[in-house]
Amino acid sequence: MENDFNPNEMTFGFIGLGLIGGSMAKALRSKYKDCTIIAYNRSEMPRTMALNDGTADIATNIIDESFGKCDFIFLCTPVEFNEQYLEILSKLIKHDCIITDVGSVKGNIHHAAKAAGLEQNFIGGHPMAGSEKTGYENSCAALCQGSVYPVTPTCRTDKNALDRYIFILEAIGFKPVIMSYEAHDAAAAAISHLPHLAAAQLVLLAKDNEDENMYMKKLASTGFKDTTRIAASSADVWQQICITNRDNISEMLSQYIGGLEKIKAALDNKDEQFIYNLFTESKKYRDTF
């Protein structure tokens, strides 16, 4: 780490002030009170809120040359828009600016960064934090505390740039894990994307088997609610994530369906040992988390 590295003297840009972008901006403001934060958001309310609560120094609905002053820029919009903003920023940023994103899928944004000639500036990121709630109004600095943060450098990422980025993430509470974007997308398909699909389908299973007595809803307690909490997430966001990472999710889904078919066969055949082993093995691995 360079001796002159001082985040309090730096300018941070945010493209998007939703739950994640807002939370990270607030965490930066809390940690580095003298830094400069420039925020872009299409809708006015988040911009006004960020100015009023002191998170942003500048809040705008235009991505212009003001972002050319940024040392770090965080892309915090839905996956499909982040790629468009990369192209815009490529014409504005200074040579040593670090652009990163917070998307749940990394392959597409890495390809877009390469196409835009930004491999030396771009470092992928994915805060494994969030809520079924959305919007700047639900953002808070505490969301960053203790959350794992996969970091996916490019083949041209400068070591000093990566060190600076990691330093910032750790300073605001994240736990960075450096990995390839391919490994990230495969892992995320299993531990994040597939669970959202499974939760949604489980809710629909209950809905489709509901009757006039509404017993499904009346009897649903902590087990069902905890398992399906993420089914309340934004349909727009998760539609994009699932389609963008469809190949990895499809592979994991095939394995999951195969596992469910084995469970069904064990139940049909009254295979008590299989069911016992299922819960024993899953508990053993789950307890290591």
C-alpha atoms as a PDB file:
ATOM      1  CA  MET A   1       0.000   0.000   0.000  1.00  0.00           C
ATOM      2  CA  GLU A   2       1.377   3.397  -0.971  1.00  0.00           C
ATOM      3  CA  ASN A   3       2.243   5.779   1.867  1.00  0.00           C
ATOM      4  CA  ASP A   4       0.196   8.578   0.284  1.00  0.00           C
ATOM      5  CA  PHE A   5      -3.001   6.509   0.098  1.00  0.00           C
ATOM      6  CA  ASN A   6      -5.601   8.506   2.037  1.00  0.00           C
ATOM      7  CA  PRO A   7      -9.294   7.735   1.337  1.00  0.00           C
ATOM      8  CA  ASN A   8     -10.322  10.933   3.138  1.00  0.00           C
ATOM      9  CA  GLU A   9      -8.780  12.872   0.253  1.00  0.00           C
ATOM     10  CA  MET A  10     -10.401  10.743  -2.450  1.00  0.00           C
ATOM     11  CA  THR A  11     -13.518  11.046  -4.578  1.00  0.00           C
ATOM     12  CA  PHE A  12     -15.946   8.150  -4.788  1.00  0.00           C
ATOM     13  CA  GLY A  13     -18.604   7.836  -7.460  1.00  0.00           C
ATOM     14  CA  PHE A  14     -21.804   5.839  -7.205  1.00  0.00           C
ATOM     15  CA  ILE A  15     -23.925   4.937 -10.203  1.00  0.00           C
ATOM     16  CA  GLY A  16     -27.201   3.981  -8.555  1.00  0.00           C
ATOM     17  CA  LEU A  17     -28.454   4.695  -5.042  1.00  0.00           C
ATOM     18  CA  GLY A  18     -30.509   1.648  -4.203  1.00  0.00           C
ATOM     19  CA  LEU A  19     -30.168  -0.625  -1.184  1.00  0.00           C
ATOM     20  CA  ILE A  20     -26.577  -1.705  -1.880  1.00  0.00           C
ATOM     21  CA  GLY A  21     -25.273   1.520  -3.410  1.00  0.00           C
ATOM     22  CA  GLY A  22     -26.868   3.568  -0.644  1.00  0.00           C
ATOM     23  CA  SER A  23     -25.521   1.307   2.093  1.00  0.00           C
ATOM     24  CA  MET A  24     -21.971   1.367   0.733  1.00  0.00           C
ATOM     25  CA  ALA A  25     -22.052   5.133   0.251  1.00  0.00           C
ATOM     26  CA  LYS A  26     -23.270   5.582   3.829  1.00  0.00           C
ATOM     27  CA  ALA A  27     -20.554   3.247   5.119  1.00  0.00           C
ATOM     28  CA  LEU A  28     -17.897   5.239   3.247  1.00  0.00           C
ATOM     29  CA  ARG A  29     -19.244   8.521   4.597  1.00  0.00           C
ATOM     30  CA  SER A  30     -19.225   7.110   8.134  1.00  0.00           C
ATOM     31  CA  LYS A  31     -15.640   5.861   7.831  1.00  0.00           C
ATOM     32  CA  TYR A  32     -14.163   8.694   5.745  1.00  0.00           C
ATOM     33  CA  LYS A  33     -16.013  11.859   6.666  1.00  0.00           C
ATOM     34  CA  ASP A  34     -13.856  14.133   4.507  1.00  0.00           C
ATOM     35  CA  CYS A  35     -14.044  12.136   1.295  1.00  0.00           C
ATOM     36  CA  THR A  36     -16.084  13.399  -1.654  1.00  0.00           C
ATOM     37  CA  ILE A  37     -19.046  11.323  -2.854  1.00  0.00           C
ATOM     38  CA  ILE A  38     -20.666  11.936  -6.232  1.00  0.00           C
ATOM     39  CA  ALA A  39     -23.863   9.988  -6.855  1.00  0.00           C
ATOM     40  CA  TYR A  40     -25.895   9.415  -9.987  1.00  0.00           C
ATOM     41  CA  ASN A  41     -29.467   8.171  -9.857  1.00  0.00           C
ATOM     42  CA  ARG A  42     -32.237   8.431 -12.421  1.00  0.00           C
ATOM     43  CA  SER A  43     -35.062   9.078  -9.937  1.00  0.00           C
ATOM     44  CA  GLU A  44     -35.018  12.189  -7.812  1.00  0.00           C
ATOM     45  CA  MET A  45     -36.036  10.946  -4.372  1.00  0.00           C
ATOM     46  CA  PRO A  46     -32.851   8.944  -3.606  1.00  0.00           C
ATOM     47  CA  ARG A  47     -30.727  11.863  -4.785  1.00  0.00           C
ATOM     48  CA  THR A  48     -32.567  14.259  -2.481  1.00  0.00           C
ATOM     49  CA  MET A  49     -32.357  11.860   0.453  1.00  0.00           C
ATOM     50  CA  ALA A  50     -28.600  11.313  -0.051  1.00  0.00           C
ATOM     51  CA  LEU A  51     -27.970  15.064  -0.114  1.00  0.00           C
ATOM     52  CA  ASN A  52     -30.203  15.747   2.878  1.00  0.00           C
ATOM     53  CA  ASP A  53     -28.656  13.055   5.086  1.00  0.00           C
ATOM     54  CA  GLY A  54     -25.123  14.148   4.185  1.00  0.00           C
ATOM     55  CA  THR A  55     -24.118  10.962   2.332  1.00  0.00           C
ATOM     56  CA  ALA A  56     -23.568  12.612  -1.055  1.00  0.00           C
ATOM     57  CA  ASP A  57     -21.763  15.869  -1.781  1.00  0.00           C
ATOM     58  CA  ILE A  58     -23.120  15.898  -5.323  1.00  0.00           C
ATOM     59  CA  ALA A  59     -26.207  14.042  -6.556  1.00  0.00           C
ATOM     60  CA  THR A  60     -27.046  14.189 -10.234  1.00  0.00           C
ATOM     61  CA  ASN A  61     -29.215  12.621 -12.926  1.00  0.00           C
ATOM     62  CA  ILE A  62     -26.450  12.978 -15.522  1.00  0.00           C
ATOM     63  CA  ILE A  63     -23.213  11.024 -15.841  1.00  0.00           C
ATOM     64  CA  ASP A  64     -20.868  13.793 -16.906  1.00  0.00           C
ATOM     65  CA  GLU A  65     -17.276  14.974 -16.572  1.00  0.00           C
ATOM     66  CA  SER A  66     -17.652  15.349 -12.786  1.00  0.00           C
ATOM     67  CA  PHE A  67     -17.089  11.570 -12.617  1.00  0.00           C
ATOM     68  CA  GLY A  68     -13.695  12.186 -14.223  1.00  0.00           C
ATOM     69  CA  LYS A  69     -12.502  13.280 -10.759  1.00  0.00           C
ATOM     70  CA  CYS A  70     -13.316   9.918  -9.163  1.00  0.00           C
ATOM     71  CA  ASP A  71     -10.699   7.580  -7.732  1.00  0.00           C
ATOM     72  CA  PHE A  72     -13.270   4.798  -7.339  1.00  0.00           C
ATOM     73  CA  ILE A  73     -16.603   4.339  -9.091  1.00  0.00           C
ATOM     74  CA  PHE A  74     -19.136   1.763  -7.909  1.00  0.00           C
ATOM     75  CA  LEU A  75     -21.710   0.536 -10.434  1.00  0.00           C
ATOM     76  CA  CYS A  76     -24.798  -0.240  -8.345  1.00  0.00           C
ATOM     77  CA  THR A  77     -27.593  -0.518 -10.884  1.00  0.00           C
ATOM     78  CA  PRO A  78     -29.290  -3.672 -12.250  1.00  0.00           C
ATOM     79  CA  VAL A  79     -27.013  -5.997 -14.206  1.00  0.00           C
ATOM     80  CA  GLU A  80     -28.242  -4.968 -17.651  1.00  0.00           C
ATOM     81  CA  PHE A  81     -27.602  -1.254 -17.029  1.00  0.00           C
ATOM     82  CA  ASN A  82     -24.124  -1.612 -15.509  1.00  0.00           C
ATOM     83  CA  GLU A  83     -22.748  -2.658 -18.896  1.00  0.00           C
ATOM     84  CA  GLN A  84     -24.145   0.487 -20.534  1.00  0.00           C
ATOM     85  CA  TYR A  85     -22.633   2.731 -17.870  1.00  0.00           C
ATOM     86  CA  LEU A  86     -19.213   1.138 -18.366  1.00  0.00           C
ATOM     87  CA  GLU A  87     -19.189   2.369 -21.942  1.00  0.00           C
ATOM     88  CA  ILE A  88     -20.136   5.892 -20.869  1.00  0.00           C
ATOM     89  CA  LEU A  89     -17.549   6.021 -18.087  1.00  0.00           C
ATOM     90  CA  SER A  90     -14.768   4.744 -20.341  1.00  0.00           C
ATOM     91  CA  LYS A  91     -14.751   8.165 -22.024  1.00  0.00           C
ATOM     92  CA  LEU A  92     -14.723  10.149 -18.763  1.00  0.00           C
ATOM     93  CA  ILE A  93     -12.489   8.525 -16.159  1.00  0.00           C
ATOM     94  CA  LYS A  94      -8.886   9.366 -15.329  1.00  0.00           C
ATOM     95  CA  HIS A  95      -6.249   6.737 -16.131  1.00  0.00           C
ATOM     96  CA  ASP A  96      -5.947   5.291 -12.606  1.00  0.00           C
ATOM     97  CA  CYS A  97      -9.614   5.287 -11.641  1.00  0.00           C
ATOM     98  CA  ILE A  98     -10.899   1.953 -10.328  1.00  0.00           C
ATOM     99  CA  ILE A  99     -14.334   1.001 -11.615  1.00  0.00           C
ATOM    100  CA  THR A 100     -16.127  -1.807  -9.840  1.00  0.00           C
ATOM    101  CA  ASP A 101     -19.628  -3.197  -9.694  1.00  0.00           C
ATOM    102  CA  VAL A 102     -21.841  -4.905  -7.124  1.00  0.00           C
ATOM    103  CA  GLY A 103     -23.670  -7.268  -9.472  1.00  0.00           C
ATOM    104  CA  SER A 104     -24.641 -10.820  -8.562  1.00  0.00           C
ATOM    105  CA  VAL A 105     -23.242 -12.126 -11.859  1.00  0.00           C
ATOM    106  CA  LYS A 106     -19.684 -11.378 -12.933  1.00  0.00           C
ATOM    107  CA  GLY A 107     -19.069 -12.963 -16.340  1.00  0.00           C
ATOM    108  CA  ASN A 108     -21.124 -10.487 -18.360  1.00  0.00           C
ATOM    109  CA  ILE A 109     -19.619  -7.377 -16.749  1.00  0.00           C
ATOM    110  CA  HIS A 110     -16.075  -8.699 -17.211  1.00  0.00           C
ATOM    111  CA  HIS A 111     -16.759  -9.252 -20.897  1.00  0.00           C
ATOM    112  CA  ALA A 112     -18.217  -5.745 -21.134  1.00  0.00           C
ATOM    113  CA  ALA A 113     -15.166  -4.247 -19.396  1.00  0.00           C
ATOM    114  CA  LYS A 114     -12.879  -5.956 -21.878  1.00  0.00           C
ATOM    115  CA  ALA A 115     -14.961  -4.739 -24.823  1.00  0.00           C
ATOM    116  CA  ALA A 116     -14.804  -1.185 -23.443  1.00  0.00           C
ATOM    117  CA  GLY A 117     -11.015  -1.331 -23.052  1.00  0.00           C
ATOM    118  CA  LEU A 118     -11.278  -1.116 -19.256  1.00  0.00           C
ATOM    119  CA  GLU A 119      -9.568  -4.320 -18.102  1.00  0.00           C
ATOM    120  CA  GLN A 120      -6.833  -2.300 -16.377  1.00  0.00           C
ATOM    121  CA  ASN A 121      -9.401  -0.168 -14.522  1.00  0.00           C
ATOM    122  CA  PHE A 122     -12.099  -2.715 -13.763  1.00  0.00           C
ATOM    123  CA  ILE A 123     -12.349  -5.003 -10.727  1.00  0.00           C
ATOM    124  CA  GLY A 124     -15.528  -7.005 -10.245  1.00  0.00           C
ATOM    125  CA  GLY A 125     -17.212  -7.223  -6.861  1.00  0.00           C
ATOM    126  CA  HIS A 126     -20.286  -8.718  -5.248  1.00  0.00           C
ATOM    127  CA  PRO A 127     -21.340  -7.826  -1.693  1.00  0.00           C
ATOM    128  CA  MET A 128     -23.055 -10.921  -0.302  1.00  0.00           C
ATOM    129  CA  ALA A 129     -25.397  -8.722   1.679  1.00  0.00           C
ATOM    130  CA  GLY A 130     -28.912  -7.540   1.119  1.00  0.00           C
ATOM    131  CA  SER A 131     -32.529  -7.768   2.078  1.00  0.00           C
ATOM    132  CA  GLU A 132     -35.874  -8.502   0.519  1.00  0.00           C
ATOM    133  CA  LYS A 133     -36.422  -4.755   0.981  1.00  0.00           C
ATOM    134  CA  THR A 134     -35.135  -2.401  -1.684  1.00  0.00           C
ATOM    135  CA  GLY A 135     -34.372   1.261  -2.250  1.00  0.00           C
ATOM    136  CA  TYR A 136     -32.231   3.953  -0.693  1.00  0.00           C
ATOM    137  CA  GLU A 137     -34.785   4.398   2.091  1.00  0.00           C
ATOM    138  CA  ASN A 138     -33.855   0.923   3.391  1.00  0.00           C
ATOM    139  CA  SER A 139     -30.091   1.359   3.040  1.00  0.00           C
ATOM    140  CA  CYS A 140     -27.787   1.520   6.051  1.00  0.00           C
ATOM    141  CA  ALA A 141     -24.057   1.355   6.707  1.00  0.00           C
ATOM    142  CA  ALA A 142     -24.532  -1.659   8.979  1.00  0.00           C
ATOM    143  CA  LEU A 143     -25.461  -3.774   5.950  1.00  0.00           C
ATOM    144  CA  CYS A 144     -21.768  -3.890   5.068  1.00  0.00           C
ATOM    145  CA  GLN A 145     -20.594  -5.185   8.422  1.00  0.00           C
ATOM    146  CA  GLY A 146     -19.233  -8.725   8.342  1.00  0.00           C
ATOM    147  CA  SER A 147     -20.544  -9.618   4.877  1.00  0.00           C
ATOM    148  CA  VAL A 148     -18.421 -11.680   2.498  1.00  0.00           C
ATOM    149  CA  TYR A 149     -17.428  -9.758  -0.641  1.00  0.00           C
ATOM    150  CA  PRO A 150     -16.141 -11.754  -3.624  1.00  0.00           C
ATOM    151  CA  VAL A 151     -13.600  -9.741  -5.620  1.00  0.00           C
ATOM    152  CA  THR A 152     -12.890 -10.709  -9.243  1.00  0.00           C
ATOM    153  CA  PRO A 153      -9.842  -8.964 -10.755  1.00  0.00           C
ATOM    154  CA  THR A 154      -9.120  -9.021 -14.482  1.00  0.00           C
ATOM    155  CA  CYS A 155      -5.936 -10.390 -16.029  1.00  0.00           C
ATOM    156  CA  ARG A 156      -4.678  -6.793 -16.251  1.00  0.00           C
ATOM    157  CA  THR A 157      -5.564  -5.591 -12.755  1.00  0.00           C
ATOM    158  CA  ASP A 158      -2.663  -3.734 -11.150  1.00  0.00           C
ATOM    159  CA  LYS A 159      -1.631  -5.126  -7.756  1.00  0.00           C
ATOM    160  CA  ASN A 160      -1.562  -1.691  -6.124  1.00  0.00           C
ATOM    161  CA  ALA A 161      -5.043  -0.970  -7.458  1.00  0.00           C
ATOM    162  CA  LEU A 162      -6.311  -4.280  -6.082  1.00  0.00           C
ATOM    163  CA  ASP A 163      -4.681  -3.574  -2.705  1.00  0.00           C
ATOM    164  CA  ARG A 164      -6.366  -0.161  -2.529  1.00  0.00           C
ATOM    165  CA  TYR A 165      -9.726  -1.654  -3.399  1.00  0.00           C
ATOM    166  CA  ILE A 166      -9.392  -4.413  -0.794  1.00  0.00           C
ATOM    167  CA  PHE A 167      -8.351  -1.847   1.802  1.00  0.00           C
ATOM    168  CA  ILE A 168     -11.507   0.211   1.183  1.00  0.00           C
ATOM    169  CA  LEU A 169     -13.774  -2.832   1.362  1.00  0.00           C
ATOM    170  CA  GLU A 170     -12.260  -4.004   4.633  1.00  0.00           C
ATOM    171  CA  ALA A 171     -12.396  -0.488   6.078  1.00  0.00           C
ATOM    172  CA  ILE A 172     -16.183  -0.305   5.653  1.00  0.00           C
ATOM    173  CA  GLY A 173     -16.763  -3.757   7.111  1.00  0.00           C
ATOM    174  CA  PHE A 174     -16.665  -6.300   4.288  1.00  0.00           C
ATOM    175  CA  LYS A 175     -14.683  -9.559   4.167  1.00  0.00           C
ATOM    176  CA  PRO A 176     -13.171  -9.732   0.656  1.00  0.00           C
ATOM    177  CA  VAL A 177     -12.512 -13.071  -1.065  1.00  0.00           C
ATOM    178  CA  ILE A 178     -10.435 -12.896  -4.261  1.00  0.00           C
ATOM    179  CA  MET A 179     -11.513 -15.332  -6.983  1.00  0.00           C
ATOM    180  CA  SER A 180     -12.045 -15.641 -10.731  1.00  0.00           C
ATOM    181  CA  TYR A 181     -15.308 -14.466 -12.200  1.00  0.00           C
ATOM    182  CA  GLU A 182     -15.943 -17.983 -13.549  1.00  0.00           C
ATOM    183  CA  ALA A 183     -15.621 -19.514 -10.078  1.00  0.00           C
ATOM    184  CA  HIS A 184     -17.835 -16.798  -8.633  1.00  0.00           C
ATOM    185  CA  ASP A 185     -20.684 -17.364 -11.075  1.00  0.00           C
ATOM    186  CA  ALA A 186     -20.622 -21.139 -10.578  1.00  0.00           C
ATOM    187  CA  ALA A 187     -20.674 -20.776  -6.788  1.00  0.00           C
ATOM    188  CA  ALA A 188     -23.302 -18.044  -6.788  1.00  0.00           C
ATOM    189  CA  ALA A 189     -25.576 -20.213  -8.919  1.00  0.00           C
ATOM    190  CA  ALA A 190     -25.610 -22.849  -6.161  1.00  0.00           C
ATOM    191  CA  ILE A 191     -25.633 -20.772  -2.982  1.00  0.00           C
ATOM    192  CA  SER A 192     -27.595 -17.696  -4.088  1.00  0.00           C
ATOM    193  CA  HIS A 193     -29.397 -17.912  -7.412  1.00  0.00           C
ATOM    194  CA  LEU A 194     -30.839 -21.433  -7.180  1.00  0.00           C
ATOM    195  CA  PRO A 195     -32.114 -20.842  -3.608  1.00  0.00           C
ATOM    196  CA  HIS A 196     -34.116 -17.852  -4.844  1.00  0.00           C
ATOM    197  CA  LEU A 197     -35.736 -20.002  -7.520  1.00  0.00           C
ATOM    198  CA  ALA A 198     -36.370 -22.825  -5.044  1.00  0.00           C
ATOM    199  CA  ALA A 199     -37.912 -20.433  -2.527  1.00  0.00           C
ATOM    200  CA  ALA A 200     -40.185 -18.921  -5.167  1.00  0.00           C
ATOM    201  CA  GLN A 201     -41.356 -22.335  -6.339  1.00  0.00           C
ATOM    202  CA  LEU A 202     -41.927 -23.513  -2.758  1.00  0.00           C
ATOM    203  CA  VAL A 203     -44.182 -20.500  -2.128  1.00  0.00           C
ATOM    204  CA  LEU A 204     -46.121 -21.294  -5.310  1.00  0.00           C
ATOM    205  CA  LEU A 205     -46.431 -24.936  -4.214  1.00  0.00           C
ATOM    206  CA  ALA A 206     -48.178 -23.753  -1.045  1.00  0.00           C
ATOM    207  CA  LYS A 207     -50.301 -21.284  -3.014  1.00  0.00           C
ATOM    208  CA  ASP A 208     -51.386 -23.914  -5.553  1.00  0.00           C
ATOM    209  CA  ASN A 209     -52.393 -26.305  -2.778  1.00  0.00           C
ATOM    210  CA  GLU A 210     -54.254 -23.723  -0.695  1.00  0.00           C
ATOM    211  CA  ASP A 211     -57.994 -24.198  -0.163  1.00  0.00           C
ATOM    212  CA  GLU A 212     -60.840 -22.134   1.235  1.00  0.00           C
ATOM    213  CA  ASN A 213     -59.638 -22.798   4.789  1.00  0.00           C
ATOM    214  CA  MET A 214     -56.280 -21.139   4.040  1.00  0.00           C
ATOM    215  CA  TYR A 215     -54.466 -23.708   6.165  1.00  0.00           C
ATOM    216  CA  MET A 216     -51.181 -23.241   4.295  1.00  0.00           C
ATOM    217  CA  LYS A 217     -51.019 -19.603   5.260  1.00  0.00           C
ATOM    218  CA  LYS A 218     -52.371 -20.173   8.784  1.00  0.00           C
ATOM    219  CA  LEU A 219     -49.920 -22.959   9.613  1.00  0.00           C
ATOM    220  CA  ALA A 220     -46.828 -21.454   7.995  1.00  0.00           C
ATOM    221  CA  SER A 221     -44.391 -20.718  10.815  1.00  0.00           C
ATOM    222  CA  THR A 222     -40.705 -19.921  11.200  1.00  0.00           C
ATOM    223  CA  GLY A 223     -39.415 -22.885   9.176  1.00  0.00           C
ATOM    224  CA  PHE A 224     -41.418 -22.036   6.075  1.00  0.00           C
ATOM    225  CA  LYS A 225     -41.006 -18.291   6.491  1.00  0.00           C
ATOM    226  CA  ASP A 226     -37.240 -18.507   6.976  1.00  0.00           C
ATOM    227  CA  THR A 227     -36.849 -20.863   4.027  1.00  0.00           C
ATOM    228  CA  THR A 228     -38.906 -18.667   1.700  1.00  0.00           C
ATOM    229  CA  ARG A 229     -37.957 -15.170   2.923  1.00  0.00           C
ATOM    230  CA  ILE A 230     -35.966 -14.466  -0.226  1.00  0.00           C
ATOM    231  CA  ALA A 231     -39.020 -15.192  -2.386  1.00  0.00           C
ATOM    232  CA  ALA A 232     -40.113 -11.652  -1.477  1.00  0.00           C
ATOM    233  CA  SER A 233     -37.147 -10.162  -3.371  1.00  0.00           C
ATOM    234  CA  SER A 234     -37.509  -7.896  -6.403  1.00  0.00           C
ATOM    235  CA  ALA A 235     -38.843  -9.768  -9.442  1.00  0.00           C
ATOM    236  CA  ASP A 236     -37.103  -7.339 -11.834  1.00  0.00           C
ATOM    237  CA  VAL A 237     -33.697  -7.832 -10.210  1.00  0.00           C
ATOM    238  CA  TRP A 238     -33.912 -11.614  -9.990  1.00  0.00           C
ATOM    239  CA  GLN A 239     -35.259 -12.048 -13.479  1.00  0.00           C
ATOM    240  CA  GLN A 240     -32.104 -10.334 -14.786  1.00  0.00           C
ATOM    241  CA  ILE A 241     -29.780 -12.301 -12.509  1.00  0.00           C
ATOM    242  CA  CYS A 242     -31.262 -15.666 -13.458  1.00  0.00           C
ATOM    243  CA  ILE A 243     -31.197 -14.987 -17.180  1.00  0.00           C
ATOM    244  CA  THR A 244     -27.659 -13.575 -17.065  1.00  0.00           C
ATOM    245  CA  ASN A 245     -26.273 -16.594 -15.188  1.00  0.00           C
ATOM    246  CA  ARG A 246     -28.640 -19.099 -16.794  1.00  0.00           C
ATOM    247  CA  ASP A 247     -26.030 -21.695 -17.843  1.00  0.00           C
ATOM    248  CA  ASN A 248     -24.579 -22.088 -14.351  1.00  0.00           C
ATOM    249  CA  ILE A 249     -28.014 -22.070 -12.733  1.00  0.00           C
ATOM    250  CA  SER A 250     -29.329 -24.636 -15.208  1.00  0.00           C
ATOM    251  CA  GLU A 251     -26.445 -26.974 -14.378  1.00  0.00           C
ATOM    252  CA  MET A 252     -27.019 -26.643 -10.635  1.00  0.00           C
ATOM    253  CA  LEU A 253     -30.770 -26.961 -11.129  1.00  0.00           C
ATOM    254  CA  SER A 254     -30.257 -30.256 -12.980  1.00  0.00           C
ATOM    255  CA  GLN A 255     -28.221 -31.583 -10.061  1.00  0.00           C
ATOM    256  CA  TYR A 256     -30.809 -30.330  -7.566  1.00  0.00           C
ATOM    257  CA  ILE A 257     -33.682 -31.938  -9.477  1.00  0.00           C
ATOM    258  CA  GLY A 258     -31.701 -35.179  -9.583  1.00  0.00           C
ATOM    259  CA  GLY A 259     -31.287 -35.009  -5.825  1.00  0.00           C
ATOM    260  CA  LEU A 260     -35.003 -34.367  -5.298  1.00  0.00           C
ATOM    261  CA  GLU A 261     -35.850 -37.337  -7.517  1.00  0.00           C
ATOM    262  CA  LYS A 262     -33.642 -39.545  -5.335  1.00  0.00           C
ATOM    263  CA  ILE A 263     -35.425 -38.260  -2.237  1.00  0.00           C
ATOM    264  CA  LYS A 264     -38.817 -39.006  -3.798  1.00  0.00           C
ATOM    265  CA  ALA A 265     -37.684 -42.519  -4.702  1.00  0.00           C
ATOM    266  CA  ALA A 266     -36.418 -43.085  -1.157  1.00  0.00           C
ATOM    267  CA  LEU A 267     -39.761 -41.956   0.275  1.00  0.00           C
ATOM    268  CA  ASP A 268     -41.724 -44.117  -2.159  1.00  0.00           C
ATOM    269  CA  ASN A 269     -39.561 -47.109  -1.219  1.00  0.00           C
ATOM    270  CA  LYS A 270     -39.588 -46.309   2.529  1.00  0.00           C
ATOM    271  CA  ASP A 271     -35.783 -46.128   2.476  1.00  0.00           C
ATOM    272  CA  GLU A 272     -35.238 -44.939   6.041  1.00  0.00           C
ATOM    273  CA  GLN A 273     -31.446 -45.104   5.831  1.00  0.00           C
ATOM    274  CA  PHE A 274     -31.326 -42.807   2.794  1.00  0.00           C
ATOM    275  CA  ILE A 275     -33.470 -40.192   4.538  1.00  0.00           C
ATOM    276  CA  TYR A 276     -31.372 -40.456   7.703  1.00  0.00           C
ATOM    277  CA  ASN A 277     -28.138 -40.060   5.727  1.00  0.00           C
ATOM    278  CA  LEU A 278     -29.615 -37.083   3.857  1.00  0.00           C
ATOM    279  CA  PHE A 279     -30.198 -35.120   7.042  1.00  0.00           C
ATOM    280  CA  THR A 280     -26.965 -36.303   8.674  1.00  0.00           C
ATOM    281  CA  GLU A 281     -24.736 -35.299   5.759  1.00  0.00           C
ATOM    282  CA  SER A 282     -26.473 -31.982   5.125  1.00  0.00           C
ATOM    283  CA  LYS A 283     -26.318 -31.040   8.825  1.00  0.00           C
ATOM    284  CA  LYS A 284     -22.630 -31.911   9.013  1.00  0.00           C
ATOM    285  CA  TYR A 285     -21.764 -29.599   6.113  1.00  0.00           C
ATOM    286  CA  ARG A 286     -24.226 -26.847   7.154  1.00  0.00           C
ATOM    287  CA  ASP A 287     -22.684 -26.735  10.646  1.00  0.00           C
ATOM    288  CA  THR A 288     -19.343 -25.739   9.104  1.00  0.00           C
ATOM    289  CA  PHE A 289     -20.796 -22.493   7.654  1.00  0.00           C
END
